[in-house]
């Protein structure tokens, strides 16, 4: 994952809204299913979906995830000494679990996801 490309334009709020819609449709089709959104981000949305402030839109979209009852894990990919905690804010808005990528090893993402599904 450390080799994943980063940078450029990030329509984070749009991605969160689409994810929320897809998972809501799946819940309607399969009401007994346990759904989990795993979001890997530094939290720096820099493209607006509707002409507003990108980060305000992203936080609102994260809140919509919580309101729809979708479980969420936010894996913070931000690196470096100065942390802006934007991904942490998204985790709080979504009601989700927050994890720093640097604290994960190997199959830890899968284990965290399995544990989250077992809890819900």
PDB file of N, CA and C in Angstrom:
ATOM      1  N   UNK A   1       0.813  -1.190   0.000  1.00  0.00           N
ATOM      2  CA  UNK A   1       0.000   0.000   0.000  1.00  0.00           C
ATOM      3  C   UNK A   1       0.858   1.257   0.000  1.00  0.00           C
ATOM      4  N   UNK A   2       2.047   1.133   0.500  1.00  0.00           N
ATOM      5  CA  UNK A   2       2.910   2.309   0.541  1.00  0.00           C
ATOM      6  C   UNK A   2       3.237   2.803  -0.861  1.00  0.00           C
ATOM      7  N   UNK A   3       3.048   1.964  -1.866  1.00  0.00           N
ATOM      8  CA  UNK A   3       3.336   2.344  -3.246  1.00  0.00           C
ATOM      9  C   UNK A   3       2.118   2.869  -3.989  1.00  0.00           C
ATOM     10  N   UNK A   4       0.986   3.004  -3.292  1.00  0.00           N
ATOM     11  CA  UNK A   4      -0.213   3.528  -3.938  1.00  0.00           C
ATOM     12  C   UNK A   4       0.025   4.976  -4.328  1.00  0.00           C
ATOM     13  N   UNK A   5      -0.415   5.365  -5.535  1.00  0.00           N
ATOM     14  CA  UNK A   5      -0.235   6.767  -5.940  1.00  0.00           C
ATOM     15  C   UNK A   5      -1.114   7.685  -5.096  1.00  0.00           C
ATOM     16  N   UNK A   6      -0.564   8.837  -4.763  1.00  0.00           N
ATOM     17  CA  UNK A   6      -1.307   9.835  -3.995  1.00  0.00           C
ATOM     18  C   UNK A   6      -1.127  11.186  -4.653  1.00  0.00           C
ATOM     19  N   UNK A   7      -1.921  12.142  -4.208  1.00  0.00           N
ATOM     20  CA  UNK A   7      -1.815  13.490  -4.756  1.00  0.00           C
ATOM     21  C   UNK A   7      -2.837  13.700  -5.852  1.00  0.00           C
ATOM     22  N   UNK A   8      -2.885  14.901  -6.325  1.00  0.00           N
ATOM     23  CA  UNK A   8      -3.834  15.222  -7.383  1.00  0.00           C
ATOM     24  C   UNK A   8      -5.171  15.637  -6.813  1.00  0.00           C
ATOM     25  N   UNK A   9      -6.174  15.567  -7.641  1.00  0.00           N
ATOM     26  CA  UNK A   9      -7.510  16.008  -7.239  1.00  0.00           C
ATOM     27  C   UNK A   9      -8.245  14.874  -6.546  1.00  0.00           C
ATOM     28  N   UNK A  10      -8.847  15.188  -5.406  1.00  0.00           N
ATOM     29  CA  UNK A  10      -9.548  14.189  -4.609  1.00  0.00           C
ATOM     30  C   UNK A  10     -10.981  14.641  -4.358  1.00  0.00           C
ATOM     31  N   UNK A  11     -11.945  14.077  -5.103  1.00  0.00           N
ATOM     32  CA  UNK A  11     -13.359  14.391  -4.857  1.00  0.00           C
ATOM     33  C   UNK A  11     -13.897  13.524  -3.714  1.00  0.00           C
ATOM     34  N   UNK A  12     -13.363  13.726  -2.518  1.00  0.00           N
ATOM     35  CA  UNK A  12     -13.650  12.876  -1.368  1.00  0.00           C
ATOM     36  C   UNK A  12     -15.134  12.845  -1.026  1.00  0.00           C
ATOM     37  N   UNK A  13     -15.778  13.994  -0.992  1.00  0.00           N
ATOM     38  CA  UNK A  13     -17.203  14.019  -0.625  1.00  0.00           C
ATOM     39  C   UNK A  13     -18.038  13.231  -1.628  1.00  0.00           C
ATOM     40  N   UNK A  14     -17.703  13.338  -2.897  1.00  0.00           N
ATOM     41  CA  UNK A  14     -18.438  12.600  -3.926  1.00  0.00           C
ATOM     42  C   UNK A  14     -18.263  11.091  -3.721  1.00  0.00           C
ATOM     43  N   UNK A  15     -17.038  10.673  -3.448  1.00  0.00           N
ATOM     44  CA  UNK A  15     -16.782   9.256  -3.201  1.00  0.00           C
ATOM     45  C   UNK A  15     -17.517   8.738  -1.976  1.00  0.00           C
ATOM     46  N   UNK A  16     -17.557   9.543  -0.927  1.00  0.00           N
ATOM     47  CA  UNK A  16     -18.270   9.138   0.286  1.00  0.00           C
ATOM     48  C   UNK A  16     -19.771   9.033   0.042  1.00  0.00           C
ATOM     49  N   UNK A  17     -20.317   9.989  -0.689  1.00  0.00           N
ATOM     50  CA  UNK A  17     -21.754   9.949  -0.992  1.00  0.00           C
ATOM     51  C   UNK A  17     -22.106   8.739  -1.845  1.00  0.00           C
ATOM     52  N   UNK A  18     -21.290   8.463  -2.862  1.00  0.00           N
ATOM     53  CA  UNK A  18     -21.546   7.296  -3.706  1.00  0.00           C
ATOM     54  C   UNK A  18     -21.441   6.005  -2.904  1.00  0.00           C
ATOM     55  N   UNK A  19     -20.436   5.913  -2.052  1.00  0.00           N
ATOM     56  CA  UNK A  19     -20.276   4.721  -1.213  1.00  0.00           C
ATOM     57  C   UNK A  19     -21.493   4.521  -0.326  1.00  0.00           C
ATOM     58  N   UNK A  20     -21.961   5.598   0.266  1.00  0.00           N
ATOM     59  CA  UNK A  20     -23.130   5.543   1.132  1.00  0.00           C
ATOM     60  C   UNK A  20     -24.364   5.073   0.366  1.00  0.00           C
ATOM     61  N   UNK A  21     -24.534   5.579  -0.842  1.00  0.00           N
ATOM     62  CA  UNK A  21     -25.682   5.179  -1.662  1.00  0.00           C
ATOM     63  C   UNK A  21     -25.605   3.703  -2.046  1.00  0.00           C
ATOM     64  N   UNK A  22     -24.424   3.250  -2.463  1.00  0.00           N
ATOM     65  CA  UNK A  22     -24.254   1.850  -2.859  1.00  0.00           C
ATOM     66  C   UNK A  22     -24.540   0.927  -1.674  1.00  0.00           C
ATOM     67  N   UNK A  23     -23.981   1.252  -0.517  1.00  0.00           N
ATOM     68  CA  UNK A  23     -24.195   0.403   0.653  1.00  0.00           C
ATOM     69  C   UNK A  23     -25.645   0.446   1.130  1.00  0.00           C
ATOM     70  N   UNK A  24     -26.299   1.572   1.003  1.00  0.00           N
ATOM     71  CA  UNK A  24     -27.719   1.655   1.367  1.00  0.00           C
ATOM     72  C   UNK A  24     -28.569   0.788   0.443  1.00  0.00           C
ATOM     73  N   UNK A  25     -28.246   0.788  -0.844  1.00  0.00           N
ATOM     74  CA  UNK A  25     -28.971  -0.079  -1.791  1.00  0.00           C
ATOM     75  C   UNK A  25     -28.740  -1.549  -1.451  1.00  0.00           C
ATOM     76  N   UNK A  26     -27.506  -1.895  -1.117  1.00  0.00           N
ATOM     77  CA  UNK A  26     -27.203  -3.279  -0.758  1.00  0.00           C
ATOM     78  C   UNK A  26     -27.950  -3.690   0.507  1.00  0.00           C
ATOM     79  N   UNK A  27     -28.036  -2.780   1.465  1.00  0.00           N
ATOM     80  CA  UNK A  27     -28.773  -3.085   2.696  1.00  0.00           C
ATOM     81  C   UNK A  27     -30.246  -3.353   2.375  1.00  0.00           C
ATOM     82  N   UNK A  28     -30.822  -2.567   1.456  1.00  0.00           N
ATOM     83  CA  UNK A  28     -32.223  -2.765   1.074  1.00  0.00           C
ATOM     84  C   UNK A  28     -32.416  -4.122   0.392  1.00  0.00           C
ATOM     85  N   UNK A  29     -31.451  -4.519  -0.423  1.00  0.00           N
ATOM     86  CA  UNK A  29     -31.543  -5.800  -1.134  1.00  0.00           C
ATOM     87  C   UNK A  29     -31.265  -6.986  -0.217  1.00  0.00           C
ATOM     88  N   UNK A  30     -30.381  -6.784   0.760  1.00  0.00           N
ATOM     89  CA  UNK A  30     -29.958  -7.862   1.656  1.00  0.00           C
ATOM     90  C   UNK A  30     -29.998  -7.355   3.104  1.00  0.00           C
ATOM     91  N   UNK A  31     -31.190  -7.237   3.667  1.00  0.00           N
ATOM     92  CA  UNK A  31     -31.325  -6.605   4.985  1.00  0.00           C
ATOM     93  C   UNK A  31     -30.561  -7.295   6.114  1.00  0.00           C
ATOM     94  N   UNK A  32     -30.251  -8.564   5.972  1.00  0.00           N
ATOM     95  CA  UNK A  32     -29.539  -9.278   7.035  1.00  0.00           C
ATOM     96  C   UNK A  32     -28.021  -9.214   6.884  1.00  0.00           C
ATOM     97  N   UNK A  33     -27.557  -8.575   5.824  1.00  0.00           N
ATOM     98  CA  UNK A  33     -26.113  -8.484   5.589  1.00  0.00           C
ATOM     99  C   UNK A  33     -25.475  -7.462   6.516  1.00  0.00           C
ATOM    100  N   UNK A  34     -24.231  -7.720   6.867  1.00  0.00           N
ATOM    101  CA  UNK A  34     -23.443  -6.765   7.641  1.00  0.00           C
ATOM    102  C   UNK A  34     -22.577  -5.996   6.656  1.00  0.00           C
ATOM    103  N   UNK A  35     -22.765  -4.693   6.616  1.00  0.00           N
ATOM    104  CA  UNK A  35     -22.045  -3.852   5.663  1.00  0.00           C
ATOM    105  C   UNK A  35     -20.995  -3.024   6.383  1.00  0.00           C
ATOM    106  N   UNK A  36     -19.866  -2.837   5.716  1.00  0.00           N
ATOM    107  CA  UNK A  36     -18.771  -2.083   6.306  1.00  0.00           C
ATOM    108  C   UNK A  36     -18.076  -1.289   5.213  1.00  0.00           C
ATOM    109  N   UNK A  37     -17.907  -0.008   5.453  1.00  0.00           N
ATOM    110  CA  UNK A  37     -17.148   0.857   4.553  1.00  0.00           C
ATOM    111  C   UNK A  37     -15.748   1.018   5.130  1.00  0.00           C
ATOM    112  N   UNK A  38     -14.739   0.629   4.360  1.00  0.00           N
ATOM    113  CA  UNK A  38     -13.348   0.823   4.755  1.00  0.00           C
ATOM    114  C   UNK A  38     -12.803   1.935   3.873  1.00  0.00           C
ATOM    115  N   UNK A  39     -12.475   3.049   4.500  1.00  0.00           N
ATOM    116  CA  UNK A  39     -12.016   4.239   3.789  1.00  0.00           C
ATOM    117  C   UNK A  39     -10.541   4.457   4.078  1.00  0.00           C
ATOM    118  N   UNK A  40      -9.726   4.412   3.041  1.00  0.00           N
ATOM    119  CA  UNK A  40      -8.297   4.707   3.177  1.00  0.00           C
ATOM    120  C   UNK A  40      -8.058   6.087   2.591  1.00  0.00           C
ATOM    121  N   UNK A  41      -7.660   7.036   3.439  1.00  0.00           N
ATOM    122  CA  UNK A  41      -7.528   8.417   2.992  1.00  0.00           C
ATOM    123  C   UNK A  41      -6.619   9.201   3.925  1.00  0.00           C
ATOM    124  N   UNK A  42      -6.070  10.281   3.395  1.00  0.00           N
ATOM    125  CA  UNK A  42      -5.395  11.238   4.276  1.00  0.00           C
ATOM    126  C   UNK A  42      -6.398  12.293   4.737  1.00  0.00           C
ATOM    127  N   UNK A  43      -7.625  12.203   4.210  1.00  0.00           N
ATOM    128  CA  UNK A  43      -8.688  13.114   4.606  1.00  0.00           C
ATOM    129  C   UNK A  43      -8.682  14.444   3.887  1.00  0.00           C
ATOM    130  N   UNK A  44      -7.786  14.605   2.946  1.00  0.00           N
ATOM    131  CA  UNK A  44      -7.637  15.899   2.275  1.00  0.00           C
ATOM    132  C   UNK A  44      -8.444  15.958   0.980  1.00  0.00           C
ATOM    133  N   UNK A  45      -9.728  16.089   1.110  1.00  0.00           N
ATOM    134  CA  UNK A  45     -10.566  16.289  -0.067  1.00  0.00           C
ATOM    135  C   UNK A  45     -10.343  17.692  -0.596  1.00  0.00           C
ATOM    136  N   UNK A  46     -10.070  17.812  -1.886  1.00  0.00           N
ATOM    137  CA  UNK A  46      -9.794  19.144  -2.430  1.00  0.00           C
ATOM    138  C   UNK A  46     -10.631  19.470  -3.654  1.00  0.00           C
ATOM    139  N   UNK A  47     -11.666  18.664  -3.895  1.00  0.00           N
ATOM    140  CA  UNK A  47     -12.572  18.920  -5.015  1.00  0.00           C
ATOM    141  C   UNK A  47     -13.996  18.901  -4.472  1.00  0.00           C
ATOM    142  N   UNK A  48     -14.730  19.952  -4.745  1.00  0.00           N
ATOM    143  CA  UNK A  48     -16.111  20.055  -4.282  1.00  0.00           C
ATOM    144  C   UNK A  48     -17.039  19.234  -5.170  1.00  0.00           C
ATOM    145  N   UNK A  49     -18.046  18.644  -4.553  1.00  0.00           N
ATOM    146  CA  UNK A  49     -19.061  17.915  -5.316  1.00  0.00           C
ATOM    147  C   UNK A  49     -20.206  18.832  -5.726  1.00  0.00           C
ATOM    148  N   UNK A  50     -20.404  19.923  -4.960  1.00  0.00           N
ATOM    149  CA  UNK A  50     -21.559  20.775  -5.245  1.00  0.00           C
ATOM    150  C   UNK A  50     -21.247  22.264  -5.185  1.00  0.00           C
ATOM    151  N   UNK A  51     -19.975  22.612  -5.251  1.00  0.00           N
ATOM    152  CA  UNK A  51     -19.610  24.024  -5.252  1.00  0.00           C
ATOM    153  C   UNK A  51     -19.308  24.602  -3.888  1.00  0.00           C
ATOM    154  N   UNK A  52     -19.415  23.779  -2.844  1.00  0.00           N
ATOM    155  CA  UNK A  52     -19.118  24.245  -1.485  1.00  0.00           C
ATOM    156  C   UNK A  52     -17.653  24.039  -1.142  1.00  0.00           C
ATOM    157  N   UNK A  53     -17.361  24.123   0.144  1.00  0.00           N
ATOM    158  CA  UNK A  53     -16.001  23.877   0.618  1.00  0.00           C
ATOM    159  C   UNK A  53     -15.777  22.366   0.669  1.00  0.00           C
ATOM    160  N   UNK A  54     -14.733  21.866   0.007  1.00  0.00           N
ATOM    161  CA  UNK A  54     -14.531  20.418  -0.092  1.00  0.00           C
ATOM    162  C   UNK A  54     -14.512  19.686   1.250  1.00  0.00           C
ATOM    163  N   UNK A  55     -13.834  20.226   2.246  1.00  0.00           N
ATOM    164  CA  UNK A  55     -13.754  19.515   3.522  1.00  0.00           C
ATOM    165  C   UNK A  55     -15.071  19.558   4.290  1.00  0.00           C
ATOM    166  N   UNK A  56     -15.801  20.652   4.182  1.00  0.00           N
ATOM    167  CA  UNK A  56     -17.124  20.713   4.819  1.00  0.00           C
ATOM    168  C   UNK A  56     -18.053  19.690   4.186  1.00  0.00           C
ATOM    169  N   UNK A  57     -17.979  19.574   2.863  1.00  0.00           N
ATOM    170  CA  UNK A  57     -18.794  18.584   2.160  1.00  0.00           C
ATOM    171  C   UNK A  57     -18.411  17.169   2.579  1.00  0.00           C
ATOM    172  N   UNK A  58     -17.110  16.915   2.726  1.00  0.00           N
ATOM    173  CA  UNK A  58     -16.654  15.575   3.108  1.00  0.00           C
ATOM    174  C   UNK A  58     -17.147  15.214   4.509  1.00  0.00           C
ATOM    175  N   UNK A  59     -17.073  16.149   5.437  1.00  0.00           N
ATOM    176  CA  UNK A  59     -17.571  15.884   6.792  1.00  0.00           C
ATOM    177  C   UNK A  59     -19.084  15.642   6.780  1.00  0.00           C
ATOM    178  N   UNK A  60     -19.811  16.410   5.970  1.00  0.00           N
ATOM    179  CA  UNK A  60     -21.265  16.204   5.864  1.00  0.00           C
ATOM    180  C   UNK A  60     -21.569  14.830   5.273  1.00  0.00           C
ATOM    181  N   UNK A  61     -20.796  14.420   4.276  1.00  0.00           N
ATOM    182  CA  UNK A  61     -20.993  13.096   3.673  1.00  0.00           C
ATOM    183  C   UNK A  61     -20.674  12.000   4.684  1.00  0.00           C
ATOM    184  N   UNK A  62     -19.641  12.209   5.496  1.00  0.00           N
ATOM    185  CA  UNK A  62     -19.303  11.235   6.538  1.00  0.00           C
ATOM    186  C   UNK A  62     -20.426  11.152   7.571  1.00  0.00           C
ATOM    187  N   UNK A  63     -21.017  12.275   7.909  1.00  0.00           N
ATOM    188  CA  UNK A  63     -22.152  12.282   8.842  1.00  0.00           C
ATOM    189  C   UNK A  63     -23.338  11.518   8.262  1.00  0.00           C
ATOM    190  N   UNK A  64     -23.539  11.639   6.946  1.00  0.00           N
ATOM    191  CA  UNK A  64     -24.628  10.909   6.287  1.00  0.00           C
ATOM    192  C   UNK A  64     -24.405   9.402   6.383  1.00  0.00           C
ATOM    193  N   UNK A  65     -23.146   8.980   6.357  1.00  0.00           N
ATOM    194  CA  UNK A  65     -22.827   7.556   6.517  1.00  0.00           C
ATOM    195  C   UNK A  65     -23.297   7.084   7.889  1.00  0.00           C
ATOM    196  N   UNK A  66     -23.018   7.872   8.909  1.00  0.00           N
ATOM    197  CA  UNK A  66     -23.462   7.511  10.268  1.00  0.00           C
ATOM    198  C   UNK A  66     -24.986   7.495  10.334  1.00  0.00           C
ATOM    199  N   UNK A  67     -25.632   8.519   9.765  1.00  0.00           N
ATOM    200  CA  UNK A  67     -27.094   8.605   9.815  1.00  0.00           C
ATOM    201  C   UNK A  67     -27.761   7.424   9.127  1.00  0.00           C
ATOM    202  N   UNK A  68     -27.111   6.859   8.129  1.00  0.00           N
ATOM    203  CA  UNK A  68     -27.662   5.694   7.427  1.00  0.00           C
ATOM    204  C   UNK A  68     -27.344   4.387   8.153  1.00  0.00           C
ATOM    205  N   UNK A  69     -26.620   4.479   9.250  1.00  0.00           N
ATOM    206  CA  UNK A  69     -26.313   3.280  10.030  1.00  0.00           C
ATOM    207  C   UNK A  69     -25.268   2.390   9.400  1.00  0.00           C
ATOM    208  N   UNK A  70     -24.383   2.967   8.606  1.00  0.00           N
ATOM    209  CA  UNK A  70     -23.330   2.198   7.940  1.00  0.00           C
ATOM    210  C   UNK A  70     -22.081   2.223   8.815  1.00  0.00           C
ATOM    211  N   UNK A  71     -21.560   1.038   9.138  1.00  0.00           N
ATOM    212  CA  UNK A  71     -20.321   0.957   9.904  1.00  0.00           C
ATOM    213  C   UNK A  71     -19.158   1.385   9.024  1.00  0.00           C
ATOM    214  N   UNK A  72     -18.188   2.052   9.640  1.00  0.00           N
ATOM    215  CA  UNK A  72     -17.087   2.624   8.871  1.00  0.00           C
ATOM    216  C   UNK A  72     -15.771   2.478   9.634  1.00  0.00           C
ATOM    217  N   UNK A  73     -14.729   2.183   8.900  1.00  0.00           N
ATOM    218  CA  UNK A  73     -13.365   2.223   9.413  1.00  0.00           C
ATOM    219  C   UNK A  73     -12.614   3.209   8.542  1.00  0.00           C
ATOM    220  N   UNK A  74     -11.949   4.176   9.155  1.00  0.00           N
ATOM    221  CA  UNK A  74     -11.140   5.146   8.417  1.00  0.00           C
ATOM    222  C   UNK A  74      -9.677   4.846   8.707  1.00  0.00           C
ATOM    223  N   UNK A  75      -8.951   4.492   7.661  1.00  0.00           N
ATOM    224  CA  UNK A  75      -7.521   4.232   7.780  1.00  0.00           C
ATOM    225  C   UNK A  75      -6.797   5.461   7.259  1.00  0.00           C
ATOM    226  N   UNK A  76      -6.103   6.131   8.157  1.00  0.00           N
ATOM    227  CA  UNK A  76      -5.427   7.394   7.853  1.00  0.00           C
ATOM    228  C   UNK A  76      -4.086   7.114   7.184  1.00  0.00           C
ATOM    229  N   UNK A  77      -3.953   7.551   5.937  1.00  0.00           N
ATOM    230  CA  UNK A  77      -2.721   7.332   5.179  1.00  0.00           C
ATOM    231  C   UNK A  77      -1.763   8.507   5.267  1.00  0.00           C
ATOM    232  N   UNK A  78      -2.124   9.536   6.027  1.00  0.00           N
ATOM    233  CA  UNK A  78      -1.271  10.719   6.134  1.00  0.00           C
ATOM    234  C   UNK A  78       0.069  10.340   6.768  1.00  0.00           C
ATOM    235  N   UNK A  79       1.139  10.840   6.167  1.00  0.00           N
ATOM    236  CA  UNK A  79       2.481  10.557   6.665  1.00  0.00           C
ATOM    237  C   UNK A  79       3.185  11.853   7.003  1.00  0.00           C
ATOM    238  N   UNK A  80       4.240  11.742   7.758  1.00  0.00           N
ATOM    239  CA  UNK A  80       5.036  12.915   8.080  1.00  0.00           C
ATOM    240  C   UNK A  80       4.816  13.365   9.508  1.00  0.00           C
ATOM    241  N   UNK A  81       5.659  14.288   9.934  1.00  0.00           N
ATOM    242  CA  UNK A  81       5.634  14.755  11.311  1.00  0.00           C
ATOM    243  C   UNK A  81       4.436  15.613  11.658  1.00  0.00           C
ATOM    244  N   UNK A  82       4.014  16.477  10.751  1.00  0.00           N
ATOM    245  CA  UNK A  82       2.892  17.374  11.013  1.00  0.00           C
ATOM    246  C   UNK A  82       1.598  16.715  10.558  1.00  0.00           C
ATOM    247  N   UNK A  83       0.743  16.399  11.504  1.00  0.00           N
ATOM    248  CA  UNK A  83      -0.518  15.744  11.180  1.00  0.00           C
ATOM    249  C   UNK A  83      -1.654  16.753  11.230  1.00  0.00           C
ATOM    250  N   UNK A  84      -2.464  16.768  10.184  1.00  0.00           N
ATOM    251  CA  UNK A  84      -3.614  17.668  10.132  1.00  0.00           C
ATOM    252  C   UNK A  84      -4.878  17.020  10.698  1.00  0.00           C
ATOM    253  N   UNK A  85      -4.836  15.722  10.944  1.00  0.00           N
ATOM    254  CA  UNK A  85      -5.957  14.970  11.538  1.00  0.00           C
ATOM    255  C   UNK A  85      -7.259  15.092  10.758  1.00  0.00           C
ATOM    256  N   UNK A  86      -7.171  15.288   9.451  1.00  0.00           N
ATOM    257  CA  UNK A  86      -8.398  15.400   8.653  1.00  0.00           C
ATOM    258  C   UNK A  86      -9.128  14.060   8.578  1.00  0.00           C
ATOM    259  N   UNK A  87      -8.384  12.972   8.429  1.00  0.00           N
ATOM    260  CA  UNK A  87      -9.021  11.657   8.388  1.00  0.00           C
ATOM    261  C   UNK A  87      -9.665  11.336   9.735  1.00  0.00           C
ATOM    262  N   UNK A  88      -9.035  11.766  10.807  1.00  0.00           N
ATOM    263  CA  UNK A  88      -9.601  11.542  12.140  1.00  0.00           C
ATOM    264  C   UNK A  88     -10.945  12.256  12.268  1.00  0.00           C
ATOM    265  N   UNK A  89     -11.043  13.456  11.716  1.00  0.00           N
ATOM    266  CA  UNK A  89     -12.307  14.185  11.722  1.00  0.00           C
ATOM    267  C   UNK A  89     -13.388  13.460  10.940  1.00  0.00           C
ATOM    268  N   UNK A  90     -13.005  12.817   9.829  1.00  0.00           N
ATOM    269  CA  UNK A  90     -13.974  12.040   9.052  1.00  0.00           C
ATOM    270  C   UNK A  90     -14.441  10.818   9.839  1.00  0.00           C
ATOM    271  N   UNK A  91     -13.513  10.183  10.550  1.00  0.00           N
ATOM    272  CA  UNK A  91     -13.890   9.027  11.374  1.00  0.00           C
ATOM    273  C   UNK A  91     -14.883   9.453  12.452  1.00  0.00           C
ATOM    274  N   UNK A  92     -14.620  10.587  13.078  1.00  0.00           N
ATOM    275  CA  UNK A  92     -15.532  11.084  14.114  1.00  0.00           C
ATOM    276  C   UNK A  92     -16.899  11.409  13.525  1.00  0.00           C
ATOM    277  N   UNK A  93     -16.918  12.073  12.370  1.00  0.00           N
ATOM    278  CA  UNK A  93     -18.194  12.443  11.739  1.00  0.00           C
ATOM    279  C   UNK A  93     -18.989  11.209  11.325  1.00  0.00           C
ATOM    280  N   UNK A  94     -18.290  10.164  10.882  1.00  0.00           N
ATOM    281  CA  UNK A  94     -18.970   8.946  10.430  1.00  0.00           C
ATOM    282  C   UNK A  94     -19.326   8.018  11.586  1.00  0.00           C
ATOM    283  N   UNK A  95     -18.805   8.326  12.773  1.00  0.00           N
ATOM    284  CA  UNK A  95     -19.012   7.423  13.903  1.00  0.00           C
ATOM    285  C   UNK A  95     -18.173   6.169  13.779  1.00  0.00           C
ATOM    286  N   UNK A  96     -17.155   6.228  12.924  1.00  0.00           N
ATOM    287  CA  UNK A  96     -16.347   5.052  12.633  1.00  0.00           C
ATOM    288  C   UNK A  96     -15.091   4.929  13.464  1.00  0.00           C
ATOM    289  N   UNK A  97     -14.434   3.813  13.278  1.00  0.00           N
ATOM    290  CA  UNK A  97     -13.166   3.528  13.948  1.00  0.00           C
ATOM    291  C   UNK A  97     -12.045   4.197  13.162  1.00  0.00           C
ATOM    292  N   UNK A  98     -11.097   4.793  13.868  1.00  0.00           N
ATOM    293  CA  UNK A  98      -9.963   5.491  13.264  1.00  0.00           C
ATOM    294  C   UNK A  98      -8.686   4.700  13.527  1.00  0.00           C
ATOM    295  N   UNK A  99      -7.911   4.479  12.456  1.00  0.00           N
ATOM    296  CA  UNK A  99      -6.648   3.755  12.565  1.00  0.00           C
ATOM    297  C   UNK A  99      -5.615   4.445  11.683  1.00  0.00           C
ATOM    298  N   UNK A 100      -4.406   4.605  12.198  1.00  0.00           N
ATOM    299  CA  UNK A 100      -3.297   5.124  11.391  1.00  0.00           C
ATOM    300  C   UNK A 100      -2.707   3.962  10.599  1.00  0.00           C
ATOM    301  N   UNK A 101      -2.476   4.173   9.311  1.00  0.00           N
ATOM    302  CA  UNK A 101      -1.915   3.136   8.453  1.00  0.00           C
ATOM    303  C   UNK A 101      -0.583   2.639   8.998  1.00  0.00           C
ATOM    304  N   UNK A 102       0.228   3.538   9.507  1.00  0.00           N
ATOM    305  CA  UNK A 102       1.551   3.144   9.994  1.00  0.00           C
ATOM    306  C   UNK A 102       1.470   2.178  11.171  1.00  0.00           C
ATOM    307  N   UNK A 103       0.313   2.067  11.810  1.00  0.00           N
ATOM    308  CA  UNK A 103       0.139   1.138  12.929  1.00  0.00           C
ATOM    309  C   UNK A 103      -0.350  -0.239  12.481  1.00  0.00           C
ATOM    310  N   UNK A 104      -0.562  -0.416  11.186  1.00  0.00           N
ATOM    311  CA  UNK A 104      -1.063  -1.686  10.671  1.00  0.00           C
ATOM    312  C   UNK A 104       0.065  -2.484  10.033  1.00  0.00           C
ATOM    313  N   UNK A 105      -0.038  -3.790  10.151  1.00  0.00           N
ATOM    314  CA  UNK A 105       0.930  -4.677   9.521  1.00  0.00           C
ATOM    315  C   UNK A 105       0.187  -5.740   8.733  1.00  0.00           C
ATOM    316  N   UNK A 106       0.788  -6.207   7.663  1.00  0.00           N
ATOM    317  CA  UNK A 106       0.293  -7.344   6.902  1.00  0.00           C
ATOM    318  C   UNK A 106      -1.206  -7.419   6.750  1.00  0.00           C
ATOM    319  N   UNK A 107      -1.801  -8.466   7.289  1.00  0.00           N
ATOM    320  CA  UNK A 107      -3.238  -8.698   7.162  1.00  0.00           C
ATOM    321  C   UNK A 107      -4.069  -7.977   8.201  1.00  0.00           C
ATOM    322  N   UNK A 108      -3.505  -6.963   8.831  1.00  0.00           N
ATOM    323  CA  UNK A 108      -4.215  -6.281   9.914  1.00  0.00           C
ATOM    324  C   UNK A 108      -5.490  -5.595   9.439  1.00  0.00           C
ATOM    325  N   UNK A 109      -5.498  -5.076   8.220  1.00  0.00           N
ATOM    326  CA  UNK A 109      -6.708  -4.411   7.722  1.00  0.00           C
ATOM    327  C   UNK A 109      -7.860  -5.407   7.667  1.00  0.00           C
ATOM    328  N   UNK A 110      -7.587  -6.594   7.154  1.00  0.00           N
ATOM    329  CA  UNK A 110      -8.628  -7.619   7.091  1.00  0.00           C
ATOM    330  C   UNK A 110      -9.099  -8.000   8.490  1.00  0.00           C
ATOM    331  N   UNK A 111      -8.183  -8.106   9.439  1.00  0.00           N
ATOM    332  CA  UNK A 111      -8.560  -8.461  10.810  1.00  0.00           C
ATOM    333  C   UNK A 111      -9.411  -7.375  11.456  1.00  0.00           C
ATOM    334  N   UNK A 112      -9.058  -6.114  11.232  1.00  0.00           N
ATOM    335  CA  UNK A 112      -9.840  -5.002  11.775  1.00  0.00           C
ATOM    336  C   UNK A 112     -11.245  -5.017  11.178  1.00  0.00           C
ATOM    337  N   UNK A 113     -11.335  -5.264   9.872  1.00  0.00           N
ATOM    338  CA  UNK A 113     -12.639  -5.308   9.204  1.00  0.00           C
ATOM    339  C   UNK A 113     -13.484  -6.461   9.743  1.00  0.00           C
ATOM    340  N   UNK A 114     -12.875  -7.632   9.915  1.00  0.00           N
ATOM    341  CA  UNK A 114     -13.614  -8.784  10.446  1.00  0.00           C
ATOM    342  C   UNK A 114     -14.130  -8.497  11.854  1.00  0.00           C
ATOM    343  N   UNK A 115     -13.291  -7.881  12.677  1.00  0.00           N
ATOM    344  CA  UNK A 115     -13.705  -7.557  14.047  1.00  0.00           C
ATOM    345  C   UNK A 115     -14.863  -6.565  14.043  1.00  0.00           C
ATOM    346  N   UNK A 116     -14.823  -5.588  13.142  1.00  0.00           N
ATOM    347  CA  UNK A 116     -15.899  -4.594  13.059  1.00  0.00           C
ATOM    348  C   UNK A 116     -17.210  -5.245  12.642  1.00  0.00           C
ATOM    349  N   UNK A 117     -17.149  -6.174  11.717  1.00  0.00           N
ATOM    350  CA  UNK A 117     -18.358  -6.855  11.256  1.00  0.00           C
ATOM    351  C   UNK A 117     -18.918  -7.737  12.372  1.00  0.00           C
ATOM    352  N   UNK A 118     -18.044  -8.385  13.123  1.00  0.00           N
ATOM    353  CA  UNK A 118     -18.512  -9.232  14.236  1.00  0.00           C
ATOM    354  C   UNK A 118     -19.213  -8.402  15.309  1.00  0.00           C
ATOM    355  N   UNK A 119     -18.737  -7.162  15.540  1.00  0.00           N
ATOM    356  CA  UNK A 119     -19.337  -6.293  16.560  1.00  0.00           C
ATOM    357  C   UNK A 119     -20.716  -5.799  16.158  1.00  0.00           C
ATOM    358  N   UNK A 120     -20.926  -5.603  14.856  1.00  0.00           N
ATOM    359  CA  UNK A 120     -22.198  -4.994  14.431  1.00  0.00           C
ATOM    360  C   UNK A 120     -23.326  -5.986  14.384  1.00  0.00           C
TER     361      UNK A 120
END
